[in-house]
Amino acid sequence: MTTGTGIGWAPPTEAERLLQESGASGSTQAVLDALSRCRLHVMVARLHADTPGFTAPLPSQYDTVTGRMCVPVLTSGMLPPWHPDWVFRRTTLTELADRWPDSKWRLGVNLATPCAITVEARPKNRRAWLSADARSGGPPAGRLLTHSGGPLYGPVAYGLAIGAHLAVHNGLVWNQLGAAYADYETDIAWLRSPWGIENRADHRRTLDALMATRHIGRSDESVLRIRRTLADRLERTPSHQEWSEGVTTTLSRRRTSAADLAEADEALRRIARYEERFRADGVLAPEGRIDTLSAFDHGRAVNVVRMALGARYCDPQEAEQAVLRIGELARRAYGSWEEFSLGYALTRMILFDEDRSGTKYAESLAQHRILTQDPTSPYRNIPWS
């Protein structure tokens, strides 16, 4: 095993920091454990990646430091800038071990960088790779990850922070518009399902719909709007009874059907139930309320843009302009990061209302707390207005 010195160099993400520390320890097992928890990527020609039924062979590269041939892989924080014709496919130590082309070659991680590591790849070494993957279970999700070289302040960072909930959920860096979101194949798959996006035109239509918040529940948003209007008139948050009567009166005036009235009443009860849970858990003030669900569509829109960039359905300039626009739309809808985050969490709970295990609620609450309490969170470091 050989490692780069990295003297005077700051790792851009947690993955490179872990690799640097494990390499400095001199322990091959520590390096393998770190690699098993990293997202590893192999560069592939887009033409090859788009060829049905074809899997490109693992690449090779001569490493001038060790004088050995290596199979080069990159961690997420070390991917080069976006290019239309070169994409990145995620791999694992297990997959590499299964497909290894030559026992004389080494695994080269982040070659020609300050955090370069090369690892022997003989059969006994590759068996150790399998064990490391089995121990770790892969990169963990539910974490706030930041790229030090990505936007940290300013309008672009603000827009990207609107999508931070889903980035935390997936265990991905929140502040990048780059060569990949997860990886090329996954970005394409996640756009296809559930979004039905398979090309640039699909992406544009879906993004327009998300920016216009046409994917959130109409009944839920309507009863929130009625409460907001009532609160403006009363100059206070209405009671549950006042809210319920206001919904009935407003919808009756519109000659809404009995079925629509029942749906609105169910939406009101559902929202009130989750707001009470938020209050009980200390994330919503006793007199606090959530006025709109638009955070969910805006947050997902940012991630759709990032996936579309990874899938090559847009270019970096288009992606940046979209993120800026989404950030501005979200800014108009809420008064703070805390309000935005609770709007996102509430919508997610409405979507998963049938989850009786409580797993989705626990996830949503954890994401809200990470983003509003972690000192490194963009919600703590970027002003809302």
Protein backbone atom coordinates (compact mmCIF):
# COMPACT_ATOMS: atom_id res chain seq x y z
CA MET A 1 0.00 0.00 0.00
CA THR A 2 1.25 3.49 -0.83
CA THR A 3 -0.32 6.81 0.09
CA GLY A 4 0.08 10.44 -0.91
CA THR A 5 1.47 12.90 1.60
CA GLY A 6 -1.32 15.47 1.38
CA ILE A 7 0.84 17.96 3.31
CA GLY A 8 -0.88 21.36 3.45
CA TRP A 9 -3.93 20.00 1.65
CA ALA A 10 -7.46 20.00 3.05
CA PRO A 11 -9.72 17.08 2.11
CA PRO A 12 -12.82 18.39 0.29
CA THR A 13 -15.27 15.95 1.93
CA GLU A 14 -15.46 13.54 4.82
CA ALA A 15 -14.60 10.62 2.50
CA GLU A 16 -11.19 12.03 1.61
CA ARG A 17 -10.54 12.93 5.26
CA LEU A 18 -11.24 9.34 6.31
CA LEU A 19 -8.95 8.02 3.57
CA GLN A 20 -6.18 10.42 4.51
CA GLU A 21 -6.39 9.42 8.17
CA SER A 22 -6.52 5.70 7.39
CA GLY A 23 -3.58 6.01 5.01
CA ALA A 24 -1.56 7.86 7.62
CA SER A 25 -2.20 5.04 10.08
CA GLY A 26 -0.31 2.60 7.85
CA SER A 27 -3.05 0.00 8.31
CA THR A 28 -4.30 -1.65 5.13
CA GLN A 29 -7.41 -2.83 6.95
CA ALA A 30 -8.16 0.75 8.04
CA VAL A 31 -7.81 1.88 4.42
CA LEU A 32 -10.14 -0.87 3.20
CA ASP A 33 -12.67 -0.04 5.89
CA ALA A 34 -12.58 3.61 4.81
CA LEU A 35 -12.92 2.68 1.12
CA SER A 36 -15.90 0.45 1.87
CA ARG A 37 -17.69 3.45 3.41
CA CYS A 38 -16.86 5.74 0.47
CA ARG A 39 -18.70 6.16 -2.80
CA LEU A 40 -16.19 4.99 -5.38
CA HIS A 41 -16.50 5.94 -9.05
CA VAL A 42 -15.05 4.71 -12.33
CA MET A 43 -14.90 7.08 -15.30
CA VAL A 44 -16.69 5.77 -18.40
CA ALA A 45 -17.18 7.19 -21.88
CA ARG A 46 -20.81 8.25 -22.12
CA LEU A 47 -21.07 6.44 -25.45
CA HIS A 48 -20.18 3.18 -23.70
CA ALA A 49 -22.46 3.89 -20.74
CA ASP A 50 -25.39 4.44 -23.12
CA THR A 51 -24.78 1.24 -25.13
CA PRO A 52 -27.46 -1.31 -24.13
CA GLY A 53 -26.05 -4.57 -22.79
CA PHE A 54 -22.46 -3.33 -22.80
CA THR A 55 -20.37 -2.98 -19.64
CA ALA A 56 -17.11 -1.18 -20.26
CA PRO A 57 -14.01 -2.99 -18.94
CA LEU A 58 -12.33 -1.51 -15.91
CA PRO A 59 -9.92 1.25 -16.97
CA SER A 60 -6.19 1.10 -16.40
CA GLN A 61 -3.63 3.80 -15.70
CA TYR A 62 0.10 3.85 -15.10
CA ASP A 63 0.93 5.32 -11.72
CA THR A 64 4.19 7.27 -11.90
CA VAL A 65 4.62 7.21 -8.10
CA THR A 66 4.63 3.42 -7.71
CA GLY A 67 5.63 2.51 -11.25
CA ARG A 68 2.68 0.09 -11.40
CA MET A 69 -0.40 -0.31 -13.53
CA CYS A 70 -3.54 0.53 -11.59
CA VAL A 71 -7.30 0.43 -11.97
CA PRO A 72 -8.14 4.07 -11.17
CA VAL A 73 -11.17 4.96 -9.06
CA LEU A 74 -12.22 8.28 -7.58
CA THR A 75 -14.05 9.22 -4.41
CA SER A 76 -17.01 11.58 -4.76
CA GLY A 77 -15.11 14.62 -3.58
CA MET A 78 -12.39 14.16 -6.21
CA LEU A 79 -14.51 13.91 -9.36
CA PRO A 80 -13.33 16.27 -12.12
CA PRO A 81 -15.61 18.98 -13.56
CA TRP A 82 -18.72 18.07 -15.54
CA HIS A 83 -18.08 16.99 -19.14
CA PRO A 84 -20.79 16.06 -21.67
CA ASP A 85 -18.97 12.96 -22.97
CA TRP A 86 -17.47 11.45 -19.81
CA VAL A 87 -19.58 10.10 -16.96
CA PHE A 88 -19.02 8.24 -13.71
CA ARG A 89 -20.35 4.87 -12.66
CA ARG A 90 -20.39 3.93 -9.00
CA THR A 91 -18.50 0.81 -8.00
CA THR A 92 -17.65 -1.04 -4.78
CA LEU A 93 -14.75 -3.08 -3.47
CA THR A 94 -16.91 -6.19 -3.98
CA GLU A 95 -17.62 -5.41 -7.63
CA LEU A 96 -13.98 -4.53 -8.24
CA ALA A 97 -12.86 -7.81 -6.66
CA ASP A 98 -15.27 -9.78 -8.86
CA ARG A 99 -14.20 -8.04 -12.09
CA TRP A 100 -10.49 -7.58 -11.39
CA PRO A 101 -8.51 -7.87 -14.65
CA ASP A 102 -4.93 -8.59 -13.56
CA SER A 103 -3.51 -9.62 -10.17
CA LYS A 104 -0.30 -7.70 -10.90
CA TRP A 105 -2.22 -4.45 -11.07
CA ARG A 106 -3.11 -2.34 -8.05
CA LEU A 107 -6.22 -0.46 -7.07
CA GLY A 108 -5.42 3.24 -7.48
CA VAL A 109 -7.65 5.60 -5.51
CA ASN A 110 -7.52 9.30 -6.45
CA LEU A 111 -4.25 8.89 -8.35
CA ALA A 112 -2.11 11.99 -8.91
CA THR A 113 -3.84 13.84 -6.05
CA PRO A 114 -2.73 14.63 -2.49
CA CYS A 115 -4.97 11.83 -1.18
CA ALA A 116 -3.77 9.13 -3.57
CA ILE A 117 -3.74 5.57 -2.24
CA THR A 118 -2.74 2.38 -4.04
CA VAL A 119 -3.71 -1.03 -2.71
CA GLU A 120 -2.40 -4.46 -3.65
CA ALA A 121 -4.91 -6.56 -5.57
CA ARG A 122 -3.70 -10.15 -5.44
CA PRO A 123 -6.33 -12.83 -4.70
CA LYS A 124 -5.78 -12.74 -0.92
CA ASN A 125 -6.00 -8.95 -1.00
CA ARG A 126 -9.27 -9.04 -2.92
CA ARG A 127 -10.72 -11.44 -0.36
CA ALA A 128 -9.97 -8.77 2.24
CA TRP A 129 -11.91 -6.28 0.09
CA LEU A 130 -14.99 -8.51 0.27
CA SER A 131 -14.66 -8.74 4.05
CA ALA A 132 -14.36 -4.96 4.38
CA ASP A 133 -17.54 -4.42 2.34
CA ALA A 134 -19.39 -7.03 4.37
CA ARG A 135 -18.37 -5.33 7.64
CA SER A 136 -19.31 -1.80 6.65
CA GLY A 137 -22.54 -2.29 4.75
CA GLY A 138 -21.57 0.52 2.39
CA PRO A 139 -21.76 4.32 2.65
CA PRO A 140 -24.23 5.37 5.37
CA ALA A 141 -27.18 7.62 4.59
CA GLY A 142 -28.87 10.20 6.80
CA ARG A 143 -25.81 12.43 7.06
CA LEU A 144 -25.06 16.07 6.31
CA LEU A 145 -22.14 16.09 3.85
CA THR A 146 -20.49 19.24 2.52
CA HIS A 147 -17.92 19.72 -0.23
CA SER A 148 -15.47 22.44 0.81
CA GLY A 149 -14.88 23.34 -2.83
CA GLY A 150 -18.59 23.76 -3.59
CA PRO A 151 -20.71 26.87 -2.97
CA LEU A 152 -20.95 27.60 0.74
CA TYR A 153 -22.48 31.11 0.69
CA GLY A 154 -24.37 33.24 -1.78
CA PRO A 155 -27.35 32.64 -4.07
CA VAL A 156 -26.20 29.33 -5.57
CA ALA A 157 -25.44 27.85 -2.15
CA TYR A 158 -28.83 29.14 -0.96
CA GLY A 159 -30.60 27.40 -3.83
CA LEU A 160 -28.72 24.15 -3.31
CA ALA A 161 -29.53 24.26 0.42
CA ILE A 162 -33.22 24.17 -0.54
CA GLY A 163 -32.53 20.59 -1.66
CA ALA A 164 -30.54 19.59 1.42
CA HIS A 165 -33.22 17.35 2.97
CA LEU A 166 -33.06 14.81 0.16
CA ALA A 167 -29.26 15.05 0.00
CA VAL A 168 -29.11 14.22 3.72
CA HIS A 169 -31.60 11.38 3.23
CA ASN A 170 -29.43 9.85 0.48
CA GLY A 171 -26.11 10.52 2.23
CA LEU A 172 -24.92 12.77 -0.61
CA VAL A 173 -23.12 16.11 -0.64
CA TRP A 174 -25.67 18.95 -0.59
CA ASN A 175 -23.67 21.72 -2.29
CA GLN A 176 -22.54 20.44 -5.67
CA LEU A 177 -23.51 20.95 -9.28
CA GLY A 178 -21.01 18.60 -10.82
CA ALA A 179 -20.20 15.48 -12.76
CA ALA A 180 -22.61 13.25 -10.83
CA TYR A 181 -25.34 13.40 -8.21
CA ALA A 182 -25.22 9.72 -7.20
CA ASP A 183 -23.73 8.29 -10.41
CA TYR A 184 -24.70 8.27 -14.10
CA GLU A 185 -26.77 5.06 -14.05
CA THR A 186 -28.49 5.91 -10.78
CA ASP A 187 -29.23 9.49 -11.81
CA ILE A 188 -30.93 8.22 -14.96
CA ALA A 189 -32.84 5.54 -13.03
CA TRP A 190 -34.02 7.96 -10.31
CA LEU A 191 -35.26 10.39 -12.96
CA ARG A 192 -37.10 7.65 -14.84
CA SER A 193 -38.84 6.43 -11.67
CA PRO A 194 -40.71 8.09 -10.09
CA TRP A 195 -40.50 11.17 -12.29
CA GLY A 196 -40.91 9.69 -15.78
CA ILE A 197 -38.00 11.80 -17.03
CA GLU A 198 -36.08 10.29 -19.95
CA ASN A 199 -34.83 13.33 -21.86
CA ARG A 200 -34.30 17.08 -21.72
CA ALA A 201 -37.91 17.91 -22.59
CA ASP A 202 -39.25 15.66 -19.81
CA HIS A 203 -36.86 17.30 -17.39
CA ARG A 204 -38.01 20.78 -18.34
CA ARG A 205 -41.69 19.91 -17.98
CA THR A 206 -41.21 18.24 -14.61
CA LEU A 207 -39.05 21.08 -13.32
CA ASP A 208 -41.67 23.66 -14.35
CA ALA A 209 -44.35 21.65 -12.51
CA LEU A 210 -42.23 21.40 -9.36
CA MET A 211 -41.40 25.10 -9.41
CA ALA A 212 -45.13 25.80 -9.66
CA THR A 213 -45.70 23.33 -6.76
CA ARG A 214 -48.16 21.28 -8.80
CA HIS A 215 -47.08 17.98 -7.19
CA ILE A 216 -48.10 18.72 -3.59
CA GLY A 217 -51.55 17.72 -2.32
CA ARG A 218 -54.17 20.23 -3.41
CA SER A 219 -56.57 19.56 -0.51
CA ASP A 220 -53.80 19.88 2.09
CA GLU A 221 -52.48 23.10 0.58
CA SER A 222 -56.01 24.50 0.30
CA VAL A 223 -56.84 24.02 3.98
CA LEU A 224 -53.51 25.60 4.94
CA ARG A 225 -54.28 28.57 2.71
CA ILE A 226 -57.69 28.98 4.37
CA ARG A 227 -56.07 28.96 7.81
CA ARG A 228 -53.47 31.48 6.68
CA THR A 229 -56.18 33.82 5.38
CA LEU A 230 -58.13 33.43 8.61
CA ALA A 231 -55.00 34.13 10.67
CA ASP A 232 -54.37 37.34 8.73
CA ARG A 233 -57.91 38.48 9.48
CA LEU A 234 -57.80 37.53 13.17
CA GLU A 235 -54.17 38.65 13.58
CA ARG A 236 -53.46 35.38 15.41
CA THR A 237 -53.39 31.66 14.77
CA PRO A 238 -57.00 30.42 14.74
CA SER A 239 -58.08 27.62 17.03
CA HIS A 240 -58.72 24.19 15.61
CA GLN A 241 -62.48 24.84 15.79
CA GLU A 242 -62.19 28.20 14.04
CA TRP A 243 -60.01 26.64 11.36
CA SER A 244 -62.43 23.76 10.81
CA GLU A 245 -65.40 26.11 10.55
CA GLY A 246 -63.45 28.34 8.19
CA VAL A 247 -62.71 25.41 5.88
CA THR A 248 -66.35 24.31 5.85
CA THR A 249 -67.62 27.84 5.22
CA THR A 250 -65.11 28.59 2.46
CA LEU A 251 -65.59 25.34 0.58
CA SER A 252 -69.38 25.47 0.93
CA ARG A 253 -69.34 28.95 -0.56
CA ARG A 254 -67.47 27.49 -3.53
CA ARG A 255 -70.18 24.83 -3.86
CA THR A 256 -67.64 22.09 -3.28
CA SER A 257 -68.92 18.52 -3.48
CA ALA A 258 -69.52 16.44 -0.36
CA ALA A 259 -66.62 14.19 -1.34
CA ASP A 260 -64.26 17.18 -1.63
CA LEU A 261 -65.45 18.51 1.72
CA ALA A 262 -64.73 15.15 3.33
CA GLU A 263 -61.26 15.11 1.74
CA ALA A 264 -60.53 18.61 3.02
CA ASP A 265 -61.72 17.65 6.51
CA GLU A 266 -59.42 14.63 6.50
CA ALA A 267 -56.51 16.82 5.30
CA LEU A 268 -57.17 19.26 8.16
CA ARG A 269 -57.15 16.48 10.76
CA ARG A 270 -53.99 14.98 9.29
CA ILE A 271 -52.13 18.29 9.30
CA ALA A 272 -53.28 19.08 12.85
CA ARG A 273 -52.12 15.66 14.02
CA TYR A 274 -48.60 16.10 12.65
CA GLU A 275 -48.33 19.67 13.90
CA GLU A 276 -49.18 18.40 17.38
CA ARG A 277 -46.44 15.77 17.07
CA PHE A 278 -43.99 18.46 16.01
CA ARG A 279 -44.97 20.55 19.04
CA ALA A 280 -44.61 17.57 21.36
CA ASP A 281 -41.13 16.96 19.96
CA GLY A 282 -40.15 20.60 20.44
CA VAL A 283 -39.64 21.57 16.79
CA LEU A 284 -42.81 23.66 16.40
CA ALA A 285 -43.70 26.43 18.86
CA PRO A 286 -46.95 26.11 20.88
CA GLU A 287 -48.60 28.80 18.74
CA GLY A 288 -46.61 27.99 15.63
CA ARG A 289 -48.13 26.76 12.40
CA ILE A 290 -47.04 25.61 8.95
CA ASP A 291 -48.56 27.77 6.22
CA THR A 292 -47.58 26.04 2.99
CA LEU A 293 -46.25 22.73 1.68
CA SER A 294 -44.33 24.26 -1.23
CA ALA A 295 -40.99 23.39 0.42
CA PHE A 296 -41.37 19.78 -0.66
CA ASP A 297 -41.70 20.50 -4.37
CA HIS A 298 -38.97 23.13 -4.27
CA GLY A 299 -36.63 20.81 -2.37
CA ARG A 300 -37.26 17.98 -4.80
CA ALA A 301 -36.83 20.36 -7.74
CA VAL A 302 -33.25 21.12 -6.71
CA ASN A 303 -32.46 17.41 -6.59
CA VAL A 304 -34.13 16.79 -9.95
CA VAL A 305 -31.87 19.50 -11.40
CA ARG A 306 -28.79 17.87 -9.88
CA MET A 307 -29.83 14.43 -11.17
CA ALA A 308 -30.58 15.87 -14.62
CA LEU A 309 -27.11 17.41 -14.68
CA GLY A 310 -25.64 14.02 -13.78
CA ALA A 311 -27.77 12.36 -16.47
CA ARG A 312 -26.65 14.98 -19.04
CA TYR A 313 -30.21 16.25 -19.55
CA CYS A 314 -28.98 19.78 -18.89
CA ASP A 315 -25.65 21.57 -18.70
CA PRO A 316 -24.05 23.34 -15.70
CA GLN A 317 -25.21 26.80 -16.73
CA GLU A 318 -28.83 25.63 -17.09
CA ALA A 319 -28.61 23.82 -13.78
CA GLU A 320 -27.26 26.86 -11.95
CA GLN A 321 -29.96 29.14 -13.35
CA ALA A 322 -32.66 26.66 -12.30
CA VAL A 323 -31.23 26.38 -8.78
CA LEU A 324 -31.14 30.18 -8.45
CA ARG A 325 -34.77 30.42 -9.53
CA ILE A 326 -35.89 27.68 -7.13
CA GLY A 327 -34.11 29.42 -4.27
CA GLU A 328 -35.94 32.65 -4.99
CA LEU A 329 -39.32 30.89 -5.15
CA ALA A 330 -38.69 29.22 -1.79
CA ARG A 331 -37.57 32.51 -0.24
CA ARG A 332 -40.92 34.09 -1.11
CA ALA A 333 -42.91 31.23 0.43
CA TYR A 334 -41.28 31.07 3.90
CA GLY A 335 -39.80 33.35 6.51
CA SER A 336 -36.93 31.21 7.78
CA TRP A 337 -35.01 27.99 7.29
CA GLU A 338 -36.88 26.48 10.23
CA GLU A 339 -40.25 27.24 8.62
CA PHE A 340 -39.06 25.87 5.28
CA SER A 341 -37.72 22.71 6.89
CA LEU A 342 -40.95 22.04 8.78
CA GLY A 343 -42.94 22.60 5.59
CA TYR A 344 -40.81 19.96 3.91
CA ALA A 345 -41.15 17.56 6.85
CA LEU A 346 -44.92 17.98 7.06
CA THR A 347 -45.40 17.29 3.36
CA ARG A 348 -43.25 14.18 3.60
CA MET A 349 -45.39 12.94 6.48
CA ILE A 350 -48.59 13.58 4.51
CA LEU A 351 -47.10 11.57 1.64
CA PHE A 352 -46.22 8.68 3.96
CA ASP A 353 -49.28 8.98 6.18
CA GLU A 354 -49.88 5.22 6.00
CA ASP A 355 -46.50 4.46 7.58
CA ARG A 356 -47.65 3.10 10.93
CA SER A 357 -44.16 2.04 12.00
CA GLY A 358 -43.12 5.64 12.57
CA THR A 359 -39.93 5.18 10.54
CA LYS A 360 -40.68 8.01 8.10
CA TYR A 361 -41.56 10.39 10.93
CA ALA A 362 -38.31 9.58 12.73
CA GLU A 363 -36.36 10.14 9.49
CA SER A 364 -38.07 13.46 8.82
CA LEU A 365 -37.54 14.67 12.38
CA ALA A 366 -33.86 13.64 12.26
CA GLN A 367 -33.32 15.47 8.96
CA HIS A 368 -34.98 18.60 10.34
CA ARG A 369 -32.83 18.54 13.46
CA ILE A 370 -29.61 17.90 11.53
CA LEU A 371 -30.25 20.80 9.19
CA THR A 372 -31.43 23.27 11.81
CA GLN A 373 -29.02 22.35 14.61
CA ASP A 374 -25.73 21.10 13.12
CA PRO A 375 -23.20 23.97 13.30
CA THR A 376 -21.95 23.10 9.81
CA SER A 377 -25.43 23.11 8.24
CA PRO A 378 -26.19 25.65 5.52
CA TYR A 379 -29.34 26.47 7.52
CA ARG A 380 -27.06 27.75 10.28
CA ASN A 381 -24.62 29.58 8.03
CA ILE A 382 -26.62 31.06 5.12
CA PRO A 383 -29.07 33.87 5.97
CA TRP A 384 -32.62 33.14 4.86
CA SER A 385 -33.37 36.63 3.59
